[in-house]
Amino acid sequence: MEVRLTEAGYAACEQHAVPEEAGENALLAVLTAAEKRTLADLLRKLVVAAESGATVP
């Protein structure tokens, strides 16, 4: 089964994404480029662990 957004659904997603992205950018503005890379690396590690079903030792 394939599911796709209608044009109205796509427009609604885009309308929601714009203010959300602005909020994220404002939140991350206090971080340096190096800190943003570190944050991205750590978040990636958490996602990979969660997707693999890893447990805390």
PDB file of N, CA and C in Angstrom:
ATOM      1  N   MET A   1       0.835  -1.163   0.000  1.00  0.00           N
ATOM      2  CA  MET A   1       0.000   0.000   0.000  1.00  0.00           C
ATOM      3  C   MET A   1       0.889   1.237   0.000  1.00  0.00           C
ATOM      4  N   GLU A   2       0.570   2.162  -0.816  1.00  0.00           N
ATOM      5  CA  GLU A   2       1.317   3.413  -0.884  1.00  0.00           C
ATOM      6  C   GLU A   2       0.407   4.552  -0.439  1.00  0.00           C
ATOM      7  N   VAL A   3       0.939   5.374   0.447  1.00  0.00           N
ATOM      8  CA  VAL A   3       0.170   6.507   0.969  1.00  0.00           C
ATOM      9  C   VAL A   3       0.900   7.783   0.601  1.00  0.00           C
ATOM     10  N   ARG A   4       0.178   8.765   0.113  1.00  0.00           N
ATOM     11  CA  ARG A   4       0.775  10.040  -0.264  1.00  0.00           C
ATOM     12  C   ARG A   4      -0.079  11.180   0.272  1.00  0.00           C
ATOM     13  N   LEU A   5       0.582  12.285   0.551  1.00  0.00           N
ATOM     14  CA  LEU A   5      -0.140  13.482   0.963  1.00  0.00           C
ATOM     15  C   LEU A   5      -0.845  14.111  -0.234  1.00  0.00           C
ATOM     16  N   THR A   6      -2.004  14.665   0.028  1.00  0.00           N
ATOM     17  CA  THR A   6      -2.661  15.464  -0.996  1.00  0.00           C
ATOM     18  C   THR A   6      -1.940  16.806  -1.066  1.00  0.00           C
ATOM     19  N   GLU A   7      -2.278  17.619  -2.039  1.00  0.00           N
ATOM     20  CA  GLU A   7      -1.678  18.951  -2.121  1.00  0.00           C
ATOM     21  C   GLU A   7      -2.008  19.751  -0.870  1.00  0.00           C
ATOM     22  N   ALA A   8      -3.240  19.615  -0.373  1.00  0.00           N
ATOM     23  CA  ALA A   8      -3.630  20.327   0.847  1.00  0.00           C
ATOM     24  C   ALA A   8      -2.843  19.808   2.045  1.00  0.00           C
ATOM     25  N   GLY A   9      -2.620  18.518   2.113  1.00  0.00           N
ATOM     26  CA  GLY A   9      -1.839  17.943   3.198  1.00  0.00           C
ATOM     27  C   GLY A   9      -0.398  18.399   3.168  1.00  0.00           C
ATOM     28  N   TYR A  10       0.165  18.447   1.980  1.00  0.00           N
ATOM     29  CA  TYR A  10       1.542  18.922   1.827  1.00  0.00           C
ATOM     30  C   TYR A  10       1.637  20.389   2.251  1.00  0.00           C
ATOM     31  N   ALA A  11       0.669  21.199   1.835  1.00  0.00           N
ATOM     32  CA  ALA A  11       0.664  22.620   2.192  1.00  0.00           C
ATOM     33  C   ALA A  11       0.551  22.786   3.702  1.00  0.00           C
ATOM     34  N   ALA A  12      -0.263  21.967   4.354  1.00  0.00           N
ATOM     35  CA  ALA A  12      -0.417  22.041   5.807  1.00  0.00           C
ATOM     36  C   ALA A  12       0.891  21.684   6.504  1.00  0.00           C
ATOM     37  N   CYS A  13       1.595  20.691   6.019  1.00  0.00           N
ATOM     38  CA  CYS A  13       2.894  20.309   6.597  1.00  0.00           C
ATOM     39  C   CYS A  13       3.899  21.435   6.435  1.00  0.00           C
ATOM     40  N   GLU A  14       3.946  22.028   5.265  1.00  0.00           N
ATOM     41  CA  GLU A  14       4.865  23.125   5.010  1.00  0.00           C
ATOM     42  C   GLU A  14       4.552  24.326   5.904  1.00  0.00           C
ATOM     43  N   GLN A  15       3.287  24.599   6.080  1.00  0.00           N
ATOM     44  CA  GLN A  15       2.875  25.734   6.907  1.00  0.00           C
ATOM     45  C   GLN A  15       3.325  25.527   8.355  1.00  0.00           C
ATOM     46  N   HIS A  16       3.282  24.300   8.825  1.00  0.00           N
ATOM     47  CA  HIS A  16       3.702  23.986  10.184  1.00  0.00           C
ATOM     48  C   HIS A  16       5.227  23.986  10.303  1.00  0.00           C
ATOM     49  N   ALA A  17       5.910  23.561   9.267  1.00  0.00           N
ATOM     50  CA  ALA A  17       7.364  23.400   9.330  1.00  0.00           C
ATOM     51  C   ALA A  17       8.094  24.736   9.401  1.00  0.00           C
ATOM     52  N   VAL A  18       7.582  25.757   8.765  1.00  0.00           N
ATOM     53  CA  VAL A  18       8.287  27.044   8.720  1.00  0.00           C
ATOM     54  C   VAL A  18       8.488  27.631  10.114  1.00  0.00           C
ATOM     55  N   PRO A  19       7.424  27.798  10.931  1.00  0.00           N
ATOM     56  CA  PRO A  19       7.660  28.352  12.274  1.00  0.00           C
ATOM     57  C   PRO A  19       8.471  27.401  13.164  1.00  0.00           C
ATOM     58  N   GLU A  20       8.303  26.117  12.964  1.00  0.00           N
ATOM     59  CA  GLU A  20       9.069  25.149  13.757  1.00  0.00           C
ATOM     60  C   GLU A  20      10.552  25.269  13.459  1.00  0.00           C
ATOM     61  N   GLU A  21      10.888  25.414  12.194  1.00  0.00           N
ATOM     62  CA  GLU A  21      12.294  25.558  11.807  1.00  0.00           C
ATOM     63  C   GLU A  21      12.883  26.855  12.372  1.00  0.00           C
ATOM     64  N   ALA A  22      12.102  27.920  12.358  1.00  0.00           N
ATOM     65  CA  ALA A  22      12.568  29.188  12.915  1.00  0.00           C
ATOM     66  C   ALA A  22      12.845  29.046  14.411  1.00  0.00           C
ATOM     67  N   GLY A  23      11.983  28.311  15.105  1.00  0.00           N
ATOM     68  CA  GLY A  23      12.187  28.082  16.530  1.00  0.00           C
ATOM     69  C   GLY A  23      13.433  27.262  16.798  1.00  0.00           C
ATOM     70  N   GLU A  24      13.649  26.236  15.984  1.00  0.00           N
ATOM     71  CA  GLU A  24      14.847  25.410  16.138  1.00  0.00           C
ATOM     72  C   GLU A  24      16.106  26.236  15.890  1.00  0.00           C
ATOM     73  N   ASN A  25      16.067  27.062  14.850  1.00  0.00           N
ATOM     74  CA  ASN A  25      17.233  27.898  14.543  1.00  0.00           C
ATOM     75  C   ASN A  25      17.530  28.867  15.675  1.00  0.00           C
ATOM     76  N   ALA A  26      16.485  29.446  16.266  1.00  0.00           N
ATOM     77  CA  ALA A  26      16.684  30.366  17.384  1.00  0.00           C
ATOM     78  C   ALA A  26      17.273  29.632  18.578  1.00  0.00           C
ATOM     79  N   LEU A  27      16.803  28.431  18.841  1.00  0.00           N
ATOM     80  CA  LEU A  27      17.298  27.639  19.958  1.00  0.00           C
ATOM     81  C   LEU A  27      18.768  27.265  19.774  1.00  0.00           C
ATOM     82  N   LEU A  28      19.125  26.898  18.560  1.00  0.00           N
ATOM     83  CA  LEU A  28      20.492  26.452  18.278  1.00  0.00           C
ATOM     84  C   LEU A  28      21.468  27.603  18.045  1.00  0.00           C
ATOM     85  N   ALA A  29      20.972  28.820  17.948  1.00  0.00           N
ATOM     86  CA  ALA A  29      21.820  29.969  17.655  1.00  0.00           C
ATOM     87  C   ALA A  29      22.895  30.203  18.717  1.00  0.00           C
ATOM     88  N   VAL A  30      22.659  29.731  19.928  1.00  0.00           N
ATOM     89  CA  VAL A  30      23.641  29.933  21.004  1.00  0.00           C
ATOM     90  C   VAL A  30      24.821  28.976  20.906  1.00  0.00           C
ATOM     91  N   LEU A  31      24.723  27.966  20.057  1.00  0.00           N
ATOM     92  CA  LEU A  31      25.792  26.976  19.925  1.00  0.00           C
ATOM     93  C   LEU A  31      26.777  27.371  18.831  1.00  0.00           C
ATOM     94  N   THR A  32      28.032  27.035  19.046  1.00  0.00           N
ATOM     95  CA  THR A  32      29.038  27.224  18.003  1.00  0.00           C
ATOM     96  C   THR A  32      28.865  26.110  16.967  1.00  0.00           C
ATOM     97  N   ALA A  33      29.533  26.258  15.849  1.00  0.00           N
ATOM     98  CA  ALA A  33      29.473  25.223  14.809  1.00  0.00           C
ATOM     99  C   ALA A  33      29.960  23.885  15.350  1.00  0.00           C
ATOM    100  N   ALA A  34      31.023  23.907  16.138  1.00  0.00           N
ATOM    101  CA  ALA A  34      31.560  22.662  16.714  1.00  0.00           C
ATOM    102  C   ALA A  34      30.546  22.037  17.671  1.00  0.00           C
ATOM    103  N   GLU A  35      29.884  22.861  18.454  1.00  0.00           N
ATOM    104  CA  GLU A  35      28.880  22.345  19.392  1.00  0.00           C
ATOM    105  C   GLU A  35      27.684  21.751  18.645  1.00  0.00           C
ATOM    106  N   LYS A  36      27.304  22.373  17.550  1.00  0.00           N
ATOM    107  CA  LYS A  36      26.202  21.841  16.735  1.00  0.00           C
ATOM    108  C   LYS A  36      26.569  20.488  16.154  1.00  0.00           C
ATOM    109  N   ARG A  37      27.822  20.340  15.714  1.00  0.00           N
ATOM    110  CA  ARG A  37      28.274  19.041  15.190  1.00  0.00           C
ATOM    111  C   ARG A  37      28.253  17.989  16.293  1.00  0.00           C
ATOM    112  N   THR A  38      28.717  18.360  17.484  1.00  0.00           N
ATOM    113  CA  THR A  38      28.711  17.430  18.616  1.00  0.00           C
ATOM    114  C   THR A  38      27.288  17.014  18.958  1.00  0.00           C
ATOM    115  N   LEU A  39      26.386  17.983  19.011  1.00  0.00           N
ATOM    116  CA  LEU A  39      24.985  17.685  19.294  1.00  0.00           C
ATOM    117  C   LEU A  39      24.413  16.736  18.254  1.00  0.00           C
ATOM    118  N   ALA A  40      24.674  17.007  16.977  1.00  0.00           N
ATOM    119  CA  ALA A  40      24.182  16.151  15.903  1.00  0.00           C
ATOM    120  C   ALA A  40      24.738  14.739  16.033  1.00  0.00           C
ATOM    121  N   ASP A  41      26.017  14.617  16.358  1.00  0.00           N
ATOM    122  CA  ASP A  41      26.635  13.295  16.538  1.00  0.00           C
ATOM    123  C   ASP A  41      25.984  12.539  17.694  1.00  0.00           C
ATOM    124  N   LEU A  42      25.767  13.223  18.801  1.00  0.00           N
ATOM    125  CA  LEU A  42      25.158  12.577  19.960  1.00  0.00           C
ATOM    126  C   LEU A  42      23.711  12.168  19.680  1.00  0.00           C
ATOM    127  N   LEU A  43      22.961  13.027  19.025  1.00  0.00           N
ATOM    128  CA  LEU A  43      21.580  12.681  18.685  1.00  0.00           C
ATOM    129  C   LEU A  43      21.527  11.499  17.722  1.00  0.00           C
ATOM    130  N   ARG A  44      22.448  11.477  16.756  1.00  0.00           N
ATOM    131  CA  ARG A  44      22.521  10.347  15.821  1.00  0.00           C
ATOM    132  C   ARG A  44      22.798   9.055  16.580  1.00  0.00           C
ATOM    133  N   LYS A  45      23.705   9.110  17.550  1.00  0.00           N
ATOM    134  CA  LYS A  45      24.047   7.935  18.348  1.00  0.00           C
ATOM    135  C   LYS A  45      22.830   7.442  19.130  1.00  0.00           C
ATOM    136  N   LEU A  46      22.068   8.367  19.694  1.00  0.00           N
ATOM    137  CA  LEU A  46      20.861   7.990  20.432  1.00  0.00           C
ATOM    138  C   LEU A  46      19.811   7.352  19.525  1.00  0.00           C
ATOM    139  N   VAL A  47      19.632   7.911  18.334  1.00  0.00           N
ATOM    140  CA  VAL A  47      18.653   7.363  17.402  1.00  0.00           C
ATOM    141  C   VAL A  47      19.051   5.956  16.970  1.00  0.00           C
ATOM    142  N   VAL A  48      20.323   5.770  16.644  1.00  0.00           N
ATOM    143  CA  VAL A  48      20.804   4.451  16.223  1.00  0.00           C
ATOM    144  C   VAL A  48      20.585   3.433  17.344  1.00  0.00           C
ATOM    145  N   ALA A  49      20.898   3.827  18.569  1.00  0.00           N
ATOM    146  CA  ALA A  49      20.730   2.919  19.708  1.00  0.00           C
ATOM    147  C   ALA A  49      19.257   2.584  19.908  1.00  0.00           C
ATOM    148  N   ALA A  50      18.399   3.579  19.805  1.00  0.00           N
ATOM    149  CA  ALA A  50      16.967   3.352  20.006  1.00  0.00           C
ATOM    150  C   ALA A  50      16.404   2.448  18.907  1.00  0.00           C
ATOM    151  N   GLU A  51      16.841   2.651  17.684  1.00  0.00           N
ATOM    152  CA  GLU A  51      16.355   1.839  16.576  1.00  0.00           C
ATOM    153  C   GLU A  51      16.848   0.409  16.636  1.00  0.00           C
ATOM    154  N   SER A  52      18.006   0.214  17.252  1.00  0.00           N
ATOM    155  CA  SER A  52      18.561  -1.141  17.327  1.00  0.00           C
ATOM    156  C   SER A  52      18.030  -1.900  18.546  1.00  0.00           C
ATOM    157  N   GLY A  53      17.297  -1.187  19.402  1.00  0.00           N
ATOM    158  CA  GLY A  53      16.776  -1.831  20.594  1.00  0.00           C
ATOM    159  C   GLY A  53      17.796  -1.964  21.692  1.00  0.00           C
ATOM    160  N   ALA A  54      18.853  -1.175  21.617  1.00  0.00           N
ATOM    161  CA  ALA A  54      19.918  -1.241  22.623  1.00  0.00           C
ATOM    162  C   ALA A  54      19.375  -0.910  24.003  1.00  0.00           C
ATOM    163  N   THR A  55      19.940  -1.555  25.000  1.00  0.00           N
ATOM    164  CA  THR A  55      19.544  -1.279  26.381  1.00  0.00           C
ATOM    165  C   THR A  55      20.736  -0.713  27.131  1.00  0.00           C
ATOM    166  N   VAL A  56      20.436  -0.055  28.213  1.00  0.00           N
ATOM    167  CA  VAL A  56      21.496   0.519  29.040  1.00  0.00           C
ATOM    168  C   VAL A  56      22.159  -0.596  29.825  1.00  0.00           C
ATOM    169  N   PRO A  57      23.510  -0.643  29.825  1.00  0.00           N
ATOM    170  CA  PRO A  57      24.194  -1.726  30.545  1.00  0.00           C
ATOM    171  C   PRO A  57      24.036  -1.601  32.042  1.00  0.00           C
TER     172      PRO A  57
END
